[in-house]
Amino acid sequence: MVSLSCTPVSSRFSFSINVFVHVIILFTFLTAFFILFVSKLTKEMFEKEIGHLIEKNVDTLVRGLDNETKQSLSLFTSAVPLDKLIKKYEEPSEYVLEHNKWVQLSAIGLSITGICILGLVVYVVYNSCGQCVPLRHIFMENVIIFACVGVIEYLFFTKVALKFVPAPPSLLVTSLINKFKETIQSNN
């Protein structure tokens, strides 16, 4: 076994490296957690909430209309190319897809840049100053901390945050109806 002939870095420098490693691991973990879990789950929850809202309210709304209004609504739905509208908005826009891809790639790039900077600093300190950074200790400490934090964050997100409704369910329907009324009135 070859032993390294170097002196340990100062406690301040070791602390600085520890903080930097902590930030890199936290950012990388949160990025991966968001890309792999949160983004998919929030999309599913949004779709579920909208589906529930429509299912719950449309039947009640239509049953409460008088026959003349029902007939007008029937004429409207047959005259307006709803299938084309559905097809048009079936998939996210190219802008949204490109934006989301850019955000994800930027976050991944930032993580990789942080890791490269850390590697470069450790390399320079060792080769130019002959000092060793206690990376094994720093990594072990951070891995243990983030394993615990990761479990807590996952549990918090799945048991608390996903159950929180940030806006009233009527927001989408109200916005849609108001825009519809506004458009109808402006075209008359």
C-alpha atoms as a PDB file:
ATOM      1  CA  MET A   1       0.000   0.000   0.000  1.00  0.00           C
ATOM      2  CA  VAL A   2       1.363   3.368  -1.010  1.00  0.00           C
ATOM      3  CA  SER A   3       1.007   6.144   1.504  1.00  0.00           C
ATOM      4  CA  LEU A   4       0.579   9.714   0.374  1.00  0.00           C
ATOM      5  CA  SER A   5       3.274  12.074   1.484  1.00  0.00           C
ATOM      6  CA  CYS A   6       1.379  15.261   2.032  1.00  0.00           C
ATOM      7  CA  THR A   7       0.331  17.456   4.863  1.00  0.00           C
ATOM      8  CA  PRO A   8      -3.340  17.915   5.701  1.00  0.00           C
ATOM      9  CA  VAL A   9      -4.971  21.162   4.637  1.00  0.00           C
ATOM     10  CA  SER A  10      -5.965  23.704   7.251  1.00  0.00           C
ATOM     11  CA  SER A  11      -9.232  23.220   9.097  1.00  0.00           C
ATOM     12  CA  ARG A  12     -10.678  26.325   7.402  1.00  0.00           C
ATOM     13  CA  PHE A  13      -9.836  24.995   3.958  1.00  0.00           C
ATOM     14  CA  SER A  14     -11.232  21.578   4.855  1.00  0.00           C
ATOM     15  CA  PHE A  15     -14.402  23.252   6.120  1.00  0.00           C
ATOM     16  CA  SER A  16     -14.682  25.236   2.863  1.00  0.00           C
ATOM     17  CA  ILE A  17     -14.330  22.079   0.794  1.00  0.00           C
ATOM     18  CA  ASN A  18     -16.901  20.368   3.018  1.00  0.00           C
ATOM     19  CA  VAL A  19     -19.381  23.200   2.450  1.00  0.00           C
ATOM     20  CA  PHE A  20     -18.730  23.115  -1.303  1.00  0.00           C
ATOM     21  CA  VAL A  21     -19.241  19.327  -1.417  1.00  0.00           C
ATOM     22  CA  HIS A  22     -22.392  19.751   0.648  1.00  0.00           C
ATOM     23  CA  VAL A  23     -23.787  22.303  -1.820  1.00  0.00           C
ATOM     24  CA  ILE A  24     -22.871  20.157  -4.838  1.00  0.00           C
ATOM     25  CA  ILE A  25     -24.494  17.048  -3.371  1.00  0.00           C
ATOM     26  CA  LEU A  26     -27.600  18.968  -2.298  1.00  0.00           C
ATOM     27  CA  PHE A  27     -28.010  20.612  -5.695  1.00  0.00           C
ATOM     28  CA  THR A  28     -27.378  17.354  -7.549  1.00  0.00           C
ATOM     29  CA  PHE A  29     -29.786  15.426  -5.325  1.00  0.00           C
ATOM     30  CA  LEU A  30     -32.533  18.046  -5.664  1.00  0.00           C
ATOM     31  CA  THR A  31     -32.025  18.179  -9.432  1.00  0.00           C
ATOM     32  CA  ALA A  32     -32.264  14.406  -9.785  1.00  0.00           C
ATOM     33  CA  PHE A  33     -35.215  14.247  -7.376  1.00  0.00           C
ATOM     34  CA  PHE A  34     -37.073  16.886  -9.369  1.00  0.00           C
ATOM     35  CA  ILE A  35     -36.309  15.451 -12.809  1.00  0.00           C
ATOM     36  CA  LEU A  36     -37.001  11.826 -11.913  1.00  0.00           C
ATOM     37  CA  PHE A  37     -39.844  12.182  -9.421  1.00  0.00           C
ATOM     38  CA  VAL A  38     -41.387  15.569  -8.707  1.00  0.00           C
ATOM     39  CA  SER A  39     -41.954  16.744 -12.284  1.00  0.00           C
ATOM     40  CA  LYS A  40     -43.763  13.526 -13.216  1.00  0.00           C
ATOM     41  CA  LEU A  41     -45.773  13.367 -10.018  1.00  0.00           C
ATOM     42  CA  THR A  42     -46.915  16.996 -10.154  1.00  0.00           C
ATOM     43  CA  LYS A  43     -48.070  16.478 -13.743  1.00  0.00           C
ATOM     44  CA  GLU A  44     -50.079  13.412 -12.698  1.00  0.00           C
ATOM     45  CA  MET A  45     -51.563  15.253  -9.710  1.00  0.00           C
ATOM     46  CA  PHE A  46     -52.531  18.233 -11.883  1.00  0.00           C
ATOM     47  CA  GLU A  47     -54.215  15.976 -14.448  1.00  0.00           C
ATOM     48  CA  LYS A  48     -56.012  14.068 -11.685  1.00  0.00           C
ATOM     49  CA  GLU A  49     -57.254  17.294 -10.065  1.00  0.00           C
ATOM     50  CA  ILE A  50     -58.509  18.737 -13.366  1.00  0.00           C
ATOM     51  CA  GLY A  51     -60.206  15.445 -14.282  1.00  0.00           C
ATOM     52  CA  HIS A  52     -61.888  15.288 -10.875  1.00  0.00           C
ATOM     53  CA  LEU A  53     -62.999  18.917 -11.129  1.00  0.00           C
ATOM     54  CA  ILE A  54     -64.523  18.463 -14.570  1.00  0.00           C
ATOM     55  CA  GLU A  55     -66.158  15.148 -13.673  1.00  0.00           C
ATOM     56  CA  LYS A  56     -67.674  16.637 -10.544  1.00  0.00           C
ATOM     57  CA  ASN A  57     -68.993  19.885 -12.032  1.00  0.00           C
ATOM     58  CA  VAL A  58     -69.938  19.456 -15.696  1.00  0.00           C
ATOM     59  CA  ASP A  59     -72.835  17.031 -15.153  1.00  0.00           C
ATOM     60  CA  THR A  60     -74.290  19.217 -12.420  1.00  0.00           C
ATOM     61  CA  LEU A  61     -73.903  22.337 -14.554  1.00  0.00           C
ATOM     62  CA  VAL A  62     -75.550  20.826 -17.637  1.00  0.00           C
ATOM     63  CA  ARG A  63     -78.422  19.281 -15.647  1.00  0.00           C
ATOM     64  CA  GLY A  64     -79.192  22.721 -14.203  1.00  0.00           C
ATOM     65  CA  LEU A  65     -79.632  24.359 -17.625  1.00  0.00           C
ATOM     66  CA  ASP A  66     -83.008  24.982 -19.215  1.00  0.00           C
ATOM     67  CA  ASN A  67     -83.839  23.144 -22.466  1.00  0.00           C
ATOM     68  CA  GLU A  68     -83.217  26.178 -24.698  1.00  0.00           C
ATOM     69  CA  THR A  69     -79.729  26.689 -23.260  1.00  0.00           C
ATOM     70  CA  LYS A  70     -78.998  22.967 -23.583  1.00  0.00           C
ATOM     71  CA  GLN A  71     -80.024  23.116 -27.238  1.00  0.00           C
ATOM     72  CA  SER A  72     -77.839  26.187 -27.832  1.00  0.00           C
ATOM     73  CA  LEU A  73     -74.935  24.465 -26.120  1.00  0.00           C
ATOM     74  CA  SER A  74     -75.487  21.376 -28.262  1.00  0.00           C
ATOM     75  CA  LEU A  75     -75.464  23.519 -31.418  1.00  0.00           C
ATOM     76  CA  PHE A  76     -72.311  25.276 -30.227  1.00  0.00           C
ATOM     77  CA  THR A  77     -70.468  22.018 -29.530  1.00  0.00           C
ATOM     78  CA  SER A  78     -71.422  20.627 -32.936  1.00  0.00           C
ATOM     79  CA  ALA A  79     -70.486  23.866 -34.772  1.00  0.00           C
ATOM     80  CA  VAL A  80     -67.132  24.422 -33.059  1.00  0.00           C
ATOM     81  CA  PRO A  81     -64.370  22.004 -34.119  1.00  0.00           C
ATOM     82  CA  LEU A  82     -63.729  20.731 -30.597  1.00  0.00           C
ATOM     83  CA  ASP A  83     -61.818  17.676 -31.866  1.00  0.00           C
ATOM     84  CA  LYS A  84     -59.320  20.007 -33.529  1.00  0.00           C
ATOM     85  CA  LEU A  85     -58.944  22.016 -30.327  1.00  0.00           C
ATOM     86  CA  ILE A  86     -58.407  18.834 -28.329  1.00  0.00           C
ATOM     87  CA  LYS A  87     -55.835  17.596 -30.845  1.00  0.00           C
ATOM     88  CA  LYS A  88     -54.074  20.990 -30.858  1.00  0.00           C
ATOM     89  CA  TYR A  89     -53.681  21.077 -27.071  1.00  0.00           C
ATOM     90  CA  GLU A  90     -53.101  17.367 -26.566  1.00  0.00           C
ATOM     91  CA  GLU A  91     -49.338  17.752 -26.334  1.00  0.00           C
ATOM     92  CA  PRO A  92     -47.276  20.480 -24.647  1.00  0.00           C
ATOM     93  CA  SER A  93     -46.082  23.247 -26.928  1.00  0.00           C
ATOM     94  CA  GLU A  94     -42.615  23.104 -28.442  1.00  0.00           C
ATOM     95  CA  TYR A  95     -41.705  26.165 -26.389  1.00  0.00           C
ATOM     96  CA  VAL A  96     -42.631  24.448 -23.106  1.00  0.00           C
ATOM     97  CA  LEU A  97     -40.771  21.268 -24.053  1.00  0.00           C
ATOM     98  CA  GLU A  98     -37.672  23.217 -25.084  1.00  0.00           C
ATOM     99  CA  HIS A  99     -37.798  25.384 -21.965  1.00  0.00           C
ATOM    100  CA  ASN A 100     -38.122  22.365 -19.654  1.00  0.00           C
ATOM    101  CA  LYS A 101     -35.276  20.601 -21.447  1.00  0.00           C
ATOM    102  CA  TRP A 102     -33.080  23.707 -21.103  1.00  0.00           C
ATOM    103  CA  VAL A 103     -33.843  23.968 -17.372  1.00  0.00           C
ATOM    104  CA  GLN A 104     -32.977  20.303 -16.817  1.00  0.00           C
ATOM    105  CA  LEU A 105     -29.776  20.452 -18.875  1.00  0.00           C
ATOM    106  CA  SER A 106     -28.698  23.663 -17.129  1.00  0.00           C
ATOM    107  CA  ALA A 107     -29.143  22.058 -13.714  1.00  0.00           C
ATOM    108  CA  ILE A 108     -27.227  18.946 -14.786  1.00  0.00           C
ATOM    109  CA  GLY A 109     -24.491  21.124 -16.302  1.00  0.00           C
ATOM    110  CA  LEU A 110     -24.205  23.121 -13.093  1.00  0.00           C
ATOM    111  CA  SER A 111     -23.783  19.916 -11.075  1.00  0.00           C
ATOM    112  CA  ILE A 112     -21.089  18.653 -13.429  1.00  0.00           C
ATOM    113  CA  THR A 113     -19.329  22.035 -13.338  1.00  0.00           C
ATOM    114  CA  GLY A 114     -19.308  21.983  -9.529  1.00  0.00           C
ATOM    115  CA  ILE A 115     -17.812  18.482  -9.491  1.00  0.00           C
ATOM    116  CA  CYS A 116     -15.128  19.535 -11.994  1.00  0.00           C
ATOM    117  CA  ILE A 117     -14.257  22.630  -9.939  1.00  0.00           C
ATOM    118  CA  LEU A 118     -13.940  20.483  -6.817  1.00  0.00           C
ATOM    119  CA  GLY A 119     -11.687  18.015  -8.639  1.00  0.00           C
ATOM    120  CA  LEU A 120      -9.549  20.835 -10.009  1.00  0.00           C
ATOM    121  CA  VAL A 121      -9.132  22.473  -6.580  1.00  0.00           C
ATOM    122  CA  VAL A 122      -8.146  19.179  -4.939  1.00  0.00           C
ATOM    123  CA  TYR A 123      -5.711  18.431  -7.781  1.00  0.00           C
ATOM    124  CA  VAL A 124      -4.080  21.888  -7.614  1.00  0.00           C
ATOM    125  CA  VAL A 125      -3.814  21.834  -3.816  1.00  0.00           C
ATOM    126  CA  TYR A 126      -2.197  18.398  -3.873  1.00  0.00           C
ATOM    127  CA  ASN A 127       0.168  19.010  -6.800  1.00  0.00           C
ATOM    128  CA  SER A 128       1.211  22.583  -6.083  1.00  0.00           C
ATOM    129  CA  CYS A 129       1.061  22.737  -2.287  1.00  0.00           C
ATOM    130  CA  GLY A 130       1.608  19.103  -1.354  1.00  0.00           C
ATOM    131  CA  GLN A 131      -1.497  19.154   0.844  1.00  0.00           C
ATOM    132  CA  CYS A 132      -4.210  16.511   1.083  1.00  0.00           C
ATOM    133  CA  VAL A 133      -7.902  17.232   1.384  1.00  0.00           C
ATOM    134  CA  PRO A 134      -9.683  14.626   3.553  1.00  0.00           C
ATOM    135  CA  LEU A 135     -12.146  13.791   0.776  1.00  0.00           C
ATOM    136  CA  ARG A 136     -13.060  10.343   2.098  1.00  0.00           C
ATOM    137  CA  HIS A 137     -14.124  11.812   5.452  1.00  0.00           C
ATOM    138  CA  ILE A 138     -15.958  14.711   3.771  1.00  0.00           C
ATOM    139  CA  PHE A 139     -17.790  12.427   1.337  1.00  0.00           C
ATOM    140  CA  MET A 140     -18.768   9.910   4.017  1.00  0.00           C
ATOM    141  CA  GLU A 141     -20.089  12.656   6.276  1.00  0.00           C
ATOM    142  CA  ASN A 142     -22.116  14.195   3.447  1.00  0.00           C
ATOM    143  CA  VAL A 143     -23.455  10.881   2.157  1.00  0.00           C
ATOM    144  CA  ILE A 144     -24.754   9.981   5.619  1.00  0.00           C
ATOM    145  CA  ILE A 145     -26.338  13.406   6.044  1.00  0.00           C
ATOM    146  CA  PHE A 146     -27.952  13.333   2.605  1.00  0.00           C
ATOM    147  CA  ALA A 147     -29.220   9.786   2.989  1.00  0.00           C
ATOM    148  CA  CYS A 148     -31.129  10.954   6.063  1.00  0.00           C
ATOM    149  CA  VAL A 149     -32.218  14.224   4.458  1.00  0.00           C
ATOM    150  CA  GLY A 150     -33.261  12.380   1.283  1.00  0.00           C
ATOM    151  CA  VAL A 151     -35.546  10.012   3.174  1.00  0.00           C
ATOM    152  CA  ILE A 152     -37.071  12.888   5.135  1.00  0.00           C
ATOM    153  CA  GLU A 153     -37.551  14.989   1.991  1.00  0.00           C
ATOM    154  CA  TYR A 154     -39.166  12.107   0.113  1.00  0.00           C
ATOM    155  CA  LEU A 155     -41.544  11.412   2.994  1.00  0.00           C
ATOM    156  CA  PHE A 156     -42.350  15.102   3.387  1.00  0.00           C
ATOM    157  CA  PHE A 157     -43.020  15.507  -0.314  1.00  0.00           C
ATOM    158  CA  THR A 158     -45.201  12.405  -0.674  1.00  0.00           C
ATOM    159  CA  LYS A 159     -47.064  12.718   2.637  1.00  0.00           C
ATOM    160  CA  VAL A 160     -47.449  16.489   3.024  1.00  0.00           C
ATOM    161  CA  ALA A 161     -46.608  18.569  -0.048  1.00  0.00           C
ATOM    162  CA  LEU A 162     -48.605  16.504  -2.545  1.00  0.00           C
ATOM    163  CA  LYS A 163     -51.681  16.734  -0.369  1.00  0.00           C
ATOM    164  CA  PHE A 164     -51.517  20.535  -0.236  1.00  0.00           C
ATOM    165  CA  VAL A 165     -53.708  22.382  -2.747  1.00  0.00           C
ATOM    166  CA  PRO A 166     -52.029  25.715  -3.546  1.00  0.00           C
ATOM    167  CA  ALA A 167     -54.963  27.198  -5.476  1.00  0.00           C
ATOM    168  CA  PRO A 168     -58.680  26.601  -5.256  1.00  0.00           C
ATOM    169  CA  PRO A 169     -59.871  23.985  -7.766  1.00  0.00           C
ATOM    170  CA  SER A 170     -62.205  26.567  -9.273  1.00  0.00           C
ATOM    171  CA  LEU A 171     -59.284  28.681 -10.511  1.00  0.00           C
ATOM    172  CA  LEU A 172     -58.945  26.876 -13.837  1.00  0.00           C
ATOM    173  CA  VAL A 173     -62.685  26.727 -14.498  1.00  0.00           C
ATOM    174  CA  THR A 174     -63.202  30.362 -13.475  1.00  0.00           C
ATOM    175  CA  SER A 175     -60.328  31.508 -15.676  1.00  0.00           C
ATOM    176  CA  LEU A 176     -61.624  29.471 -18.616  1.00  0.00           C
ATOM    177  CA  ILE A 177     -65.196  30.753 -18.269  1.00  0.00           C
ATOM    178  CA  ASN A 178     -64.093  34.381 -17.824  1.00  0.00           C
ATOM    179  CA  LYS A 179     -61.856  34.209 -20.901  1.00  0.00           C
ATOM    180  CA  PHE A 180     -64.668  32.567 -22.877  1.00  0.00           C
ATOM    181  CA  LYS A 181     -67.125  35.328 -21.858  1.00  0.00           C
ATOM    182  CA  GLU A 182     -64.567  38.015 -22.635  1.00  0.00           C
ATOM    183  CA  THR A 183     -63.886  36.560 -26.086  1.00  0.00           C
ATOM    184  CA  ILE A 184     -67.605  36.183 -26.901  1.00  0.00           C
ATOM    185  CA  GLN A 185     -68.331  39.782 -25.814  1.00  0.00           C
ATOM    186  CA  SER A 186     -65.392  41.238 -27.747  1.00  0.00           C
ATOM    187  CA  ASN A 187     -66.492  39.468 -30.946  1.00  0.00           C
ATOM    188  CA  ASN A 188     -70.066  40.831 -30.770  1.00  0.00           C
END
